[in-house]
Amino acid sequence: MHENTEFTLSRDCEAIQIPSGDKTTIPAGTPGVVTQTLGGSYTIATYQGLARIAEKDLDALGLEKPASSNGAPKADASAAGPADEKAVWEQLKQCFDPEIPVNIVDLGLVYDCQLIHKPEGGSKVEVKMTLTAPGCGMGPAIAHDAQSKILSIEGVDEADVQLVWDPPWNQNMISEAGRMKLGMI
């Protein structure tokens, strides 16, 4: 949607450096280009390198939040009906590595997803996922993104996303849809 859009930051902007995962602030007046816009986060390229910014900071780029974004608060999970496992998988498909234009599900990074309905109401989601490389500094940021998206589901009031390394990820874990997106078919 906003990919390949050039910008000059109108204000200081919080960002996460790619691939280190370190938090940084990019100063107002910095020029750059949006390289990827997937799952509600934005990868930008500036003279400082690649960084990921949150949708809430689009105004700093001079861009507007997409109309499909829903800023409505989530209902109380204990008052809502039971969460749906399909909704959890759909939210996980909105999580992307900032350097790869394929979601974490189609990349084969999600190893396990359990939806647990609690007797007192609400639901807990437990996810075990990995990364394409153990040294990826973006791991905690991607796991946090997954957790935030899961917690946005009505009926979910707990989400635990764990990074695991066994079995080691390999390219055979990429779905057919992911392979098509990456030009591997």
N, C-alpha and C. Protein backbone atom coordinates (compact mmCIF):
# COMPACT_ATOMS: atom_id res chain seq x y z
N MET A 1 0.83 -1.19 0.00
CA MET A 1 0.00 0.00 0.00
C MET A 1 0.87 1.25 0.00
N HIS A 2 1.79 1.35 0.96
CA HIS A 2 2.69 2.52 1.01
C HIS A 2 4.10 2.13 0.56
N GLU A 3 4.27 0.90 0.04
CA GLU A 3 5.61 0.45 -0.35
C GLU A 3 6.18 1.36 -1.43
N ASN A 4 7.48 1.58 -1.33
CA ASN A 4 8.25 2.44 -2.25
C ASN A 4 7.91 3.92 -2.12
N THR A 5 7.23 4.29 -1.04
CA THR A 5 6.90 5.69 -0.79
C THR A 5 8.09 6.37 -0.12
N GLU A 6 8.53 7.46 -0.68
CA GLU A 6 9.61 8.24 -0.07
C GLU A 6 9.03 9.15 1.00
N PHE A 7 9.83 9.45 2.03
CA PHE A 7 9.37 10.29 3.12
C PHE A 7 10.53 11.07 3.71
N THR A 8 10.20 12.08 4.48
CA THR A 8 11.13 12.77 5.37
C THR A 8 10.42 12.84 6.71
N LEU A 9 11.03 12.28 7.75
CA LEU A 9 10.37 12.23 9.06
C LEU A 9 10.02 13.62 9.56
N SER A 10 8.78 13.80 9.98
CA SER A 10 8.31 15.09 10.49
C SER A 10 8.60 15.24 11.98
N ARG A 11 8.92 14.14 12.64
CA ARG A 11 9.24 14.16 14.07
C ARG A 11 10.13 12.97 14.37
N ASP A 12 10.76 13.01 15.56
CA ASP A 12 11.54 11.85 15.99
C ASP A 12 10.61 10.64 16.02
N CYS A 13 11.14 9.48 15.68
CA CYS A 13 10.30 8.29 15.57
C CYS A 13 11.01 7.08 16.18
N GLU A 14 10.31 6.38 17.07
CA GLU A 14 10.84 5.15 17.64
C GLU A 14 10.86 4.09 16.57
N ALA A 15 11.89 3.25 16.57
CA ALA A 15 12.01 2.19 15.57
C ALA A 15 12.80 1.02 16.16
N ILE A 16 12.74 -0.10 15.47
CA ILE A 16 13.54 -1.26 15.82
C ILE A 16 14.47 -1.52 14.65
N GLN A 17 15.78 -1.52 14.92
CA GLN A 17 16.77 -1.72 13.87
C GLN A 17 16.71 -3.16 13.36
N ILE A 18 16.91 -3.31 12.06
CA ILE A 18 16.94 -4.62 11.43
C ILE A 18 18.37 -4.87 10.95
N PRO A 19 18.98 -5.99 11.21
CA PRO A 19 18.43 -7.18 11.84
C PRO A 19 18.71 -7.31 13.33
N SER A 20 19.35 -6.32 13.96
CA SER A 20 19.77 -6.46 15.35
C SER A 20 18.62 -6.53 16.34
N GLY A 21 17.49 -5.88 16.01
CA GLY A 21 16.36 -5.86 16.95
C GLY A 21 16.50 -4.80 18.02
N ASP A 22 17.55 -3.97 17.94
CA ASP A 22 17.76 -2.92 18.94
C ASP A 22 16.78 -1.77 18.73
N LYS A 23 16.29 -1.21 19.84
CA LYS A 23 15.43 -0.04 19.75
C LYS A 23 16.28 1.18 19.48
N THR A 24 15.73 2.09 18.68
CA THR A 24 16.44 3.31 18.32
C THR A 24 15.43 4.42 18.10
N THR A 25 15.91 5.62 18.00
CA THR A 25 15.08 6.75 17.62
C THR A 25 15.68 7.37 16.38
N ILE A 26 14.87 7.47 15.34
CA ILE A 26 15.32 8.09 14.10
C ILE A 26 14.90 9.56 14.17
N PRO A 27 15.84 10.48 13.98
CA PRO A 27 15.53 11.90 14.18
C PRO A 27 14.66 12.51 13.07
N ALA A 28 13.91 13.53 13.48
CA ALA A 28 13.11 14.31 12.54
C ALA A 28 14.01 14.82 11.43
N GLY A 29 13.48 14.90 10.21
CA GLY A 29 14.24 15.38 9.07
C GLY A 29 14.97 14.30 8.31
N THR A 30 14.97 13.06 8.83
CA THR A 30 15.64 11.96 8.16
C THR A 30 14.85 11.53 6.93
N PRO A 31 15.48 11.49 5.76
CA PRO A 31 14.79 11.01 4.57
C PRO A 31 14.88 9.49 4.49
N GLY A 32 13.93 8.89 3.76
CA GLY A 32 13.96 7.44 3.59
C GLY A 32 12.88 6.97 2.64
N VAL A 33 12.73 5.65 2.57
CA VAL A 33 11.71 5.03 1.73
C VAL A 33 11.10 3.85 2.48
N VAL A 34 9.80 3.66 2.30
CA VAL A 34 9.10 2.51 2.88
C VAL A 34 9.37 1.32 1.96
N THR A 35 9.93 0.23 2.52
CA THR A 35 10.27 -0.92 1.68
C THR A 35 9.29 -2.06 1.81
N GLN A 36 8.58 -2.15 2.95
CA GLN A 36 7.62 -3.24 3.15
C GLN A 36 6.54 -2.78 4.10
N THR A 37 5.28 -3.10 3.77
CA THR A 37 4.14 -2.74 4.63
C THR A 37 3.28 -3.97 4.79
N LEU A 38 3.56 -4.76 5.81
CA LEU A 38 2.82 -5.99 6.02
C LEU A 38 2.46 -6.17 7.48
N GLY A 39 1.23 -6.61 7.73
CA GLY A 39 0.81 -6.96 9.08
C GLY A 39 0.77 -5.81 10.06
N GLY A 40 0.62 -4.58 9.60
CA GLY A 40 0.52 -3.46 10.52
C GLY A 40 1.85 -2.91 10.99
N SER A 41 2.94 -3.39 10.41
CA SER A 41 4.24 -2.79 10.71
C SER A 41 4.90 -2.43 9.38
N TYR A 42 5.86 -1.52 9.46
CA TYR A 42 6.42 -0.92 8.28
C TYR A 42 7.94 -0.98 8.34
N THR A 43 8.54 -1.52 7.28
CA THR A 43 9.99 -1.55 7.18
C THR A 43 10.40 -0.34 6.35
N ILE A 44 11.35 0.42 6.90
CA ILE A 44 11.83 1.62 6.21
C ILE A 44 13.34 1.53 6.02
N ALA A 45 13.81 2.18 4.97
CA ALA A 45 15.25 2.27 4.72
C ALA A 45 15.64 3.74 4.82
N THR A 46 16.65 4.01 5.66
CA THR A 46 17.20 5.36 5.80
C THR A 46 18.71 5.24 5.72
N TYR A 47 19.42 6.36 5.82
CA TYR A 47 20.88 6.30 5.82
C TYR A 47 21.41 5.49 7.00
N GLN A 48 20.56 5.28 8.02
CA GLN A 48 20.97 4.47 9.19
C GLN A 48 20.78 2.98 8.93
N GLY A 49 20.18 2.60 7.80
CA GLY A 49 19.91 1.20 7.48
C GLY A 49 18.42 0.91 7.54
N LEU A 50 18.07 -0.37 7.65
CA LEU A 50 16.68 -0.78 7.73
C LEU A 50 16.18 -0.70 9.16
N ALA A 51 14.89 -0.36 9.29
CA ALA A 51 14.26 -0.31 10.61
C ALA A 51 12.79 -0.63 10.44
N ARG A 52 12.17 -1.05 11.52
CA ARG A 52 10.74 -1.34 11.54
C ARG A 52 10.08 -0.30 12.43
N ILE A 53 8.98 0.26 11.94
CA ILE A 53 8.20 1.19 12.77
C ILE A 53 6.78 0.67 12.88
N ALA A 54 6.12 1.08 13.94
CA ALA A 54 4.74 0.66 14.19
C ALA A 54 3.76 1.53 13.42
N GLU A 55 2.59 0.99 13.20
CA GLU A 55 1.55 1.71 12.48
C GLU A 55 1.18 3.02 13.16
N LYS A 56 1.30 3.06 14.48
CA LYS A 56 0.95 4.27 15.23
C LYS A 56 1.85 5.45 14.87
N ASP A 57 3.01 5.18 14.26
CA ASP A 57 3.95 6.23 13.90
C ASP A 57 3.92 6.61 12.42
N LEU A 58 2.89 6.17 11.71
CA LEU A 58 2.79 6.52 10.28
C LEU A 58 2.75 8.02 10.05
N ASP A 59 2.16 8.76 10.99
CA ASP A 59 2.08 10.21 10.82
C ASP A 59 3.46 10.83 10.68
N ALA A 60 4.47 10.26 11.33
CA ALA A 60 5.83 10.79 11.23
C ALA A 60 6.37 10.66 9.80
N LEU A 61 5.83 9.70 9.05
CA LEU A 61 6.22 9.50 7.65
C LEU A 61 5.37 10.33 6.70
N GLY A 62 4.36 11.01 7.26
CA GLY A 62 3.43 11.77 6.43
C GLY A 62 2.39 10.88 5.79
N LEU A 63 2.17 9.69 6.37
CA LEU A 63 1.21 8.74 5.82
C LEU A 63 0.03 8.57 6.77
N GLU A 64 -1.10 8.15 6.23
CA GLU A 64 -2.28 7.91 7.04
C GLU A 64 -2.44 6.43 7.30
N LYS A 65 -3.03 6.11 8.46
CA LYS A 65 -3.31 4.74 8.81
C LYS A 65 -4.30 4.17 7.80
N PRO A 66 -4.08 2.94 7.31
CA PRO A 66 -5.01 2.35 6.35
C PRO A 66 -6.42 2.26 6.93
N ALA A 67 -7.42 2.41 6.07
CA ALA A 67 -8.82 2.39 6.51
C ALA A 67 -9.19 1.06 7.14
N SER A 68 -8.51 -0.02 6.76
CA SER A 68 -8.85 -1.34 7.30
C SER A 68 -8.37 -1.53 8.73
N SER A 69 -7.49 -0.65 9.22
CA SER A 69 -7.01 -0.77 10.60
C SER A 69 -8.15 -0.44 11.54
N ASN A 70 -8.27 -1.23 12.55
CA ASN A 70 -9.36 -1.03 13.50
C ASN A 70 -8.77 -0.65 14.84
N GLY A 71 -8.97 0.57 15.25
CA GLY A 71 -8.43 1.04 16.52
C GLY A 71 -9.39 0.85 17.68
N ALA A 72 -10.49 0.14 17.44
CA ALA A 72 -11.48 -0.06 18.50
C ALA A 72 -10.90 -0.93 19.60
N PRO A 73 -11.18 -0.59 20.86
CA PRO A 73 -10.67 -1.41 21.94
C PRO A 73 -11.33 -2.78 21.95
N LYS A 74 -10.60 -3.77 22.43
CA LYS A 74 -11.10 -5.13 22.52
C LYS A 74 -12.04 -5.26 23.69
N ALA A 75 -13.07 -6.07 23.54
CA ALA A 75 -14.01 -6.32 24.63
C ALA A 75 -13.32 -7.13 25.72
N ASP A 76 -13.85 -7.08 26.93
CA ASP A 76 -13.32 -7.85 28.05
C ASP A 76 -13.36 -9.33 27.70
N ALA A 77 -12.22 -10.01 27.74
CA ALA A 77 -12.13 -11.39 27.32
C ALA A 77 -13.02 -12.31 28.14
N SER A 78 -13.16 -12.06 29.42
CA SER A 78 -13.97 -12.94 30.26
C SER A 78 -15.45 -12.79 29.95
N ALA A 79 -15.87 -11.64 29.40
CA ALA A 79 -17.27 -11.43 29.06
C ALA A 79 -17.57 -11.90 27.64
N ALA A 80 -16.56 -12.05 26.82
CA ALA A 80 -16.75 -12.46 25.44
C ALA A 80 -16.97 -13.96 25.35
N GLY A 81 -17.45 -14.38 24.20
CA GLY A 81 -17.59 -15.81 23.97
C GLY A 81 -16.22 -16.44 23.81
N PRO A 82 -16.20 -17.75 23.65
CA PRO A 82 -14.91 -18.42 23.52
C PRO A 82 -14.18 -17.99 22.24
N ALA A 83 -12.87 -17.89 22.36
CA ALA A 83 -12.04 -17.53 21.21
C ALA A 83 -12.03 -18.69 20.23
N ASP A 84 -11.74 -18.38 19.00
CA ASP A 84 -11.75 -19.33 17.90
C ASP A 84 -10.32 -19.58 17.44
N GLU A 85 -9.92 -20.85 17.32
CA GLU A 85 -8.56 -21.18 16.90
C GLU A 85 -8.25 -20.64 15.51
N LYS A 86 -9.24 -20.63 14.64
CA LYS A 86 -9.04 -20.09 13.29
C LYS A 86 -8.63 -18.62 13.36
N ALA A 87 -9.25 -17.87 14.29
CA ALA A 87 -8.90 -16.45 14.46
C ALA A 87 -7.45 -16.29 14.90
N VAL A 88 -6.96 -17.21 15.74
CA VAL A 88 -5.57 -17.15 16.19
C VAL A 88 -4.63 -17.33 15.00
N TRP A 89 -4.91 -18.33 14.16
CA TRP A 89 -4.06 -18.57 12.99
C TRP A 89 -4.12 -17.40 12.03
N GLU A 90 -5.29 -16.78 11.87
CA GLU A 90 -5.40 -15.62 10.99
C GLU A 90 -4.56 -14.45 11.51
N GLN A 91 -4.54 -14.26 12.83
CA GLN A 91 -3.72 -13.19 13.40
C GLN A 91 -2.23 -13.50 13.22
N LEU A 92 -1.85 -14.75 13.39
CA LEU A 92 -0.44 -15.13 13.19
C LEU A 92 -0.02 -14.89 11.74
N LYS A 93 -0.96 -15.01 10.82
CA LYS A 93 -0.65 -14.76 9.41
C LYS A 93 -0.48 -13.27 9.13
N GLN A 94 -0.71 -12.43 10.13
CA GLN A 94 -0.49 -10.99 9.99
C GLN A 94 0.88 -10.58 10.55
N CYS A 95 1.69 -11.55 10.97
CA CYS A 95 3.02 -11.29 11.52
C CYS A 95 4.07 -11.62 10.46
N PHE A 96 4.99 -10.68 10.27
CA PHE A 96 6.00 -10.82 9.23
C PHE A 96 7.39 -10.51 9.77
N ASP A 97 8.37 -11.25 9.27
CA ASP A 97 9.76 -10.87 9.45
C ASP A 97 9.93 -9.61 8.60
N PRO A 98 10.54 -8.56 9.13
CA PRO A 98 10.63 -7.31 8.36
C PRO A 98 11.48 -7.39 7.10
N GLU A 99 12.22 -8.47 6.93
CA GLU A 99 13.06 -8.61 5.74
C GLU A 99 12.50 -9.60 4.72
N ILE A 100 11.44 -10.32 5.10
CA ILE A 100 10.89 -11.37 4.24
C ILE A 100 9.40 -11.11 4.03
N PRO A 101 8.92 -11.01 2.81
CA PRO A 101 7.52 -10.67 2.56
C PRO A 101 6.55 -11.87 2.66
N VAL A 102 6.82 -12.79 3.57
CA VAL A 102 5.96 -13.94 3.79
C VAL A 102 5.67 -14.01 5.28
N ASN A 103 4.40 -14.29 5.64
CA ASN A 103 4.03 -14.33 7.06
C ASN A 103 4.68 -15.51 7.77
N ILE A 104 4.73 -15.45 9.10
CA ILE A 104 5.44 -16.45 9.89
C ILE A 104 4.80 -17.84 9.79
N VAL A 105 3.50 -17.92 9.51
CA VAL A 105 2.85 -19.22 9.35
C VAL A 105 3.32 -19.87 8.05
N ASP A 106 3.24 -19.12 6.94
CA ASP A 106 3.66 -19.68 5.65
C ASP A 106 5.16 -19.90 5.56
N LEU A 107 5.93 -19.19 6.38
CA LEU A 107 7.38 -19.46 6.43
C LEU A 107 7.68 -20.75 7.19
N GLY A 108 6.68 -21.28 7.89
CA GLY A 108 6.89 -22.51 8.67
C GLY A 108 7.53 -22.25 10.01
N LEU A 109 7.42 -21.03 10.51
CA LEU A 109 8.05 -20.67 11.78
C LEU A 109 7.21 -21.02 13.00
N VAL A 110 5.90 -21.23 12.82
CA VAL A 110 5.03 -21.56 13.95
C VAL A 110 4.96 -23.08 14.05
N TYR A 111 5.52 -23.61 15.14
CA TYR A 111 5.57 -25.06 15.35
C TYR A 111 4.35 -25.59 16.08
N ASP A 112 3.80 -24.79 16.97
CA ASP A 112 2.68 -25.28 17.78
C ASP A 112 1.82 -24.10 18.21
N CYS A 113 0.52 -24.31 18.22
CA CYS A 113 -0.41 -23.28 18.67
C CYS A 113 -1.54 -23.97 19.43
N GLN A 114 -1.65 -23.67 20.71
CA GLN A 114 -2.68 -24.27 21.56
C GLN A 114 -3.60 -23.19 22.09
N LEU A 115 -4.89 -23.41 21.94
CA LEU A 115 -5.91 -22.51 22.48
C LEU A 115 -6.53 -23.20 23.68
N ILE A 116 -6.42 -22.58 24.84
CA ILE A 116 -6.90 -23.17 26.09
C ILE A 116 -8.03 -22.30 26.63
N HIS A 117 -9.24 -22.87 26.69
CA HIS A 117 -10.38 -22.15 27.26
C HIS A 117 -10.32 -22.31 28.77
N LYS A 118 -10.31 -21.20 29.48
CA LYS A 118 -10.20 -21.23 30.94
C LYS A 118 -11.59 -21.38 31.56
N PRO A 119 -11.70 -22.16 32.65
CA PRO A 119 -13.01 -22.39 33.28
C PRO A 119 -13.68 -21.09 33.75
N GLU A 120 -12.86 -20.12 34.15
CA GLU A 120 -13.41 -18.85 34.65
C GLU A 120 -13.78 -17.89 33.52
N GLY A 121 -13.57 -18.32 32.28
CA GLY A 121 -13.86 -17.48 31.13
C GLY A 121 -12.58 -16.97 30.50
N GLY A 122 -12.68 -16.57 29.26
CA GLY A 122 -11.49 -16.13 28.53
C GLY A 122 -10.68 -17.31 28.05
N SER A 123 -9.65 -17.01 27.31
CA SER A 123 -8.80 -18.06 26.75
C SER A 123 -7.35 -17.65 26.81
N LYS A 124 -6.51 -18.69 26.86
CA LYS A 124 -5.06 -18.50 26.81
C LYS A 124 -4.57 -19.16 25.53
N VAL A 125 -3.64 -18.50 24.85
CA VAL A 125 -3.03 -19.06 23.66
C VAL A 125 -1.55 -19.27 23.94
N GLU A 126 -1.07 -20.47 23.64
CA GLU A 126 0.35 -20.80 23.79
C GLU A 126 0.91 -21.12 22.41
N VAL A 127 1.94 -20.40 22.02
CA VAL A 127 2.56 -20.59 20.71
C VAL A 127 4.03 -20.90 20.88
N LYS A 128 4.50 -21.88 20.12
CA LYS A 128 5.93 -22.16 20.02
C LYS A 128 6.31 -21.87 18.58
N MET A 129 7.28 -20.98 18.43
CA MET A 129 7.73 -20.61 17.10
C MET A 129 9.24 -20.52 17.07
N THR A 130 9.78 -20.48 15.88
CA THR A 130 11.22 -20.37 15.70
C THR A 130 11.51 -19.23 14.74
N LEU A 131 12.74 -19.10 14.35
CA LEU A 131 13.17 -18.09 13.39
C LEU A 131 13.96 -18.77 12.28
N THR A 132 14.17 -18.06 11.18
CA THR A 132 14.93 -18.65 10.09
C THR A 132 16.40 -18.85 10.46
N ALA A 133 16.89 -18.07 11.46
CA ALA A 133 18.27 -18.21 11.93
C ALA A 133 18.31 -17.90 13.42
N PRO A 134 18.98 -18.74 14.23
CA PRO A 134 19.02 -18.51 15.67
C PRO A 134 19.61 -17.16 16.07
N GLY A 135 20.49 -16.59 15.27
CA GLY A 135 21.12 -15.32 15.62
C GLY A 135 20.31 -14.09 15.27
N CYS A 136 19.11 -14.27 14.75
CA CYS A 136 18.28 -13.14 14.33
C CYS A 136 17.90 -12.28 15.53
N GLY A 137 18.35 -11.05 15.53
CA GLY A 137 18.03 -10.13 16.63
C GLY A 137 16.58 -9.69 16.65
N MET A 138 15.87 -9.91 15.54
CA MET A 138 14.46 -9.50 15.47
C MET A 138 13.54 -10.50 16.16
N GLY A 139 14.07 -11.63 16.62
CA GLY A 139 13.24 -12.67 17.24
C GLY A 139 12.30 -12.16 18.31
N PRO A 140 12.81 -11.45 19.33
CA PRO A 140 11.90 -10.94 20.35
C PRO A 140 10.85 -9.98 19.80
N ALA A 141 11.22 -9.17 18.81
CA ALA A 141 10.25 -8.23 18.23
C ALA A 141 9.17 -8.98 17.47
N ILE A 142 9.54 -10.02 16.73
CA ILE A 142 8.56 -10.80 15.98
C ILE A 142 7.65 -11.55 16.96
N ALA A 143 8.22 -12.13 18.01
CA ALA A 143 7.42 -12.84 19.02
C ALA A 143 6.46 -11.87 19.72
N HIS A 144 6.93 -10.66 20.02
CA HIS A 144 6.07 -9.66 20.67
C HIS A 144 4.94 -9.24 19.72
N ASP A 145 5.25 -9.10 18.45
CA ASP A 145 4.23 -8.77 17.46
C ASP A 145 3.16 -9.86 17.42
N ALA A 146 3.58 -11.12 17.41
CA ALA A 146 2.64 -12.25 17.42
C ALA A 146 1.77 -12.20 18.68
N GLN A 147 2.39 -11.98 19.83
CA GLN A 147 1.65 -11.92 21.08
C GLN A 147 0.62 -10.78 21.06
N SER A 148 1.01 -9.61 20.59
CA SER A 148 0.10 -8.47 20.53
C SER A 148 -1.09 -8.75 19.62
N LYS A 149 -0.81 -9.38 18.47
CA LYS A 149 -1.90 -9.68 17.53
C LYS A 149 -2.84 -10.72 18.12
N ILE A 150 -2.31 -11.71 18.82
CA ILE A 150 -3.16 -12.73 19.46
C ILE A 150 -4.03 -12.08 20.54
N LEU A 151 -3.44 -11.20 21.33
CA LEU A 151 -4.19 -10.54 22.41
C LEU A 151 -5.28 -9.61 21.88
N SER A 152 -5.24 -9.27 20.60
CA SER A 152 -6.29 -8.41 20.02
C SER A 152 -7.56 -9.20 19.70
N ILE A 153 -7.50 -10.52 19.81
CA ILE A 153 -8.65 -11.36 19.50
C ILE A 153 -9.64 -11.34 20.66
N GLU A 154 -10.89 -11.08 20.34
CA GLU A 154 -11.93 -11.08 21.36
C GLU A 154 -12.00 -12.47 22.00
N GLY A 155 -12.00 -12.51 23.32
CA GLY A 155 -12.06 -13.77 24.05
C GLY A 155 -10.69 -14.26 24.51
N VAL A 156 -9.60 -13.66 24.02
CA VAL A 156 -8.25 -14.06 24.45
C VAL A 156 -7.73 -13.02 25.44
N ASP A 157 -7.36 -13.49 26.63
CA ASP A 157 -6.83 -12.56 27.62
C ASP A 157 -5.41 -12.92 28.06
N GLU A 158 -4.85 -14.01 27.51
CA GLU A 158 -3.46 -14.38 27.80
C GLU A 158 -2.84 -14.95 26.53
N ALA A 159 -1.59 -14.60 26.28
CA ALA A 159 -0.87 -15.17 25.13
C ALA A 159 0.59 -15.34 25.52
N ASP A 160 1.09 -16.53 25.32
CA ASP A 160 2.48 -16.85 25.62
C ASP A 160 3.13 -17.33 24.33
N VAL A 161 4.06 -16.55 23.80
CA VAL A 161 4.76 -16.90 22.57
C VAL A 161 6.21 -17.19 22.94
N GLN A 162 6.62 -18.42 22.72
CA GLN A 162 7.98 -18.84 23.06
C GLN A 162 8.79 -19.11 21.79
N LEU A 163 10.04 -18.64 21.79
CA LEU A 163 10.97 -18.96 20.71
C LEU A 163 11.67 -20.26 21.06
N VAL A 164 11.63 -21.22 20.15
CA VAL A 164 12.27 -22.52 20.33
C VAL A 164 13.18 -22.79 19.14
N TRP A 165 14.12 -23.70 19.33
CA TRP A 165 15.10 -23.97 18.27
C TRP A 165 15.12 -25.42 17.84
N ASP A 166 14.21 -26.22 18.37
CA ASP A 166 14.17 -27.63 18.04
C ASP A 166 12.77 -27.99 17.57
N PRO A 167 12.61 -28.47 16.37
CA PRO A 167 13.65 -28.77 15.40
C PRO A 167 14.16 -27.51 14.72
N PRO A 168 15.38 -27.54 14.23
CA PRO A 168 15.90 -26.36 13.51
C PRO A 168 15.06 -26.11 12.26
N TRP A 169 14.81 -24.84 11.98
CA TRP A 169 14.04 -24.46 10.78
C TRP A 169 14.86 -24.73 9.54
N ASN A 170 14.17 -25.12 8.45
CA ASN A 170 14.82 -25.22 7.15
C ASN A 170 13.80 -24.84 6.07
N GLN A 171 14.25 -24.63 4.87
CA GLN A 171 13.39 -24.14 3.79
C GLN A 171 12.27 -25.10 3.42
N ASN A 172 12.41 -26.37 3.76
CA ASN A 172 11.35 -27.34 3.47
C ASN A 172 10.09 -27.07 4.29
N MET A 173 10.19 -26.24 5.32
CA MET A 173 9.05 -25.92 6.18
C MET A 173 8.16 -24.82 5.60
N ILE A 174 8.62 -24.17 4.55
CA ILE A 174 7.84 -23.09 3.91
C ILE A 174 6.66 -23.71 3.17
N SER A 175 5.48 -23.13 3.36
CA SER A 175 4.28 -23.62 2.68
C SER A 175 4.37 -23.36 1.18
N GLU A 176 3.47 -23.99 0.43
CA GLU A 176 3.43 -23.77 -1.02
C GLU A 176 3.15 -22.30 -1.33
N ALA A 177 2.22 -21.69 -0.56
CA ALA A 177 1.92 -20.27 -0.76
C ALA A 177 3.16 -19.41 -0.50
N GLY A 178 3.92 -19.74 0.55
CA GLY A 178 5.15 -19.02 0.85
C GLY A 178 6.19 -19.18 -0.23
N ARG A 179 6.30 -20.40 -0.75
CA ARG A 179 7.26 -20.67 -1.83
C ARG A 179 6.91 -19.86 -3.08
N MET A 180 5.62 -19.77 -3.37
CA MET A 180 5.19 -18.99 -4.53
C MET A 180 5.55 -17.52 -4.35
N LYS A 181 5.28 -16.99 -3.14
CA LYS A 181 5.58 -15.58 -2.87
C LYS A 181 7.08 -15.29 -3.00
N LEU A 182 7.90 -16.25 -2.61
CA LEU A 182 9.35 -16.08 -2.64
C LEU A 182 9.95 -16.47 -4.00
N GLY A 183 9.11 -16.92 -4.93
CA GLY A 183 9.62 -17.31 -6.25
C GLY A 183 10.39 -18.61 -6.22
N MET A 184 10.05 -19.50 -5.29
CA MET A 184 10.77 -20.77 -5.16
C MET A 184 10.08 -21.90 -5.93
N ILE A 185 8.98 -21.60 -6.59
CA ILE A 185 8.26 -22.64 -7.36
C ILE A 185 8.34 -22.30 -8.83
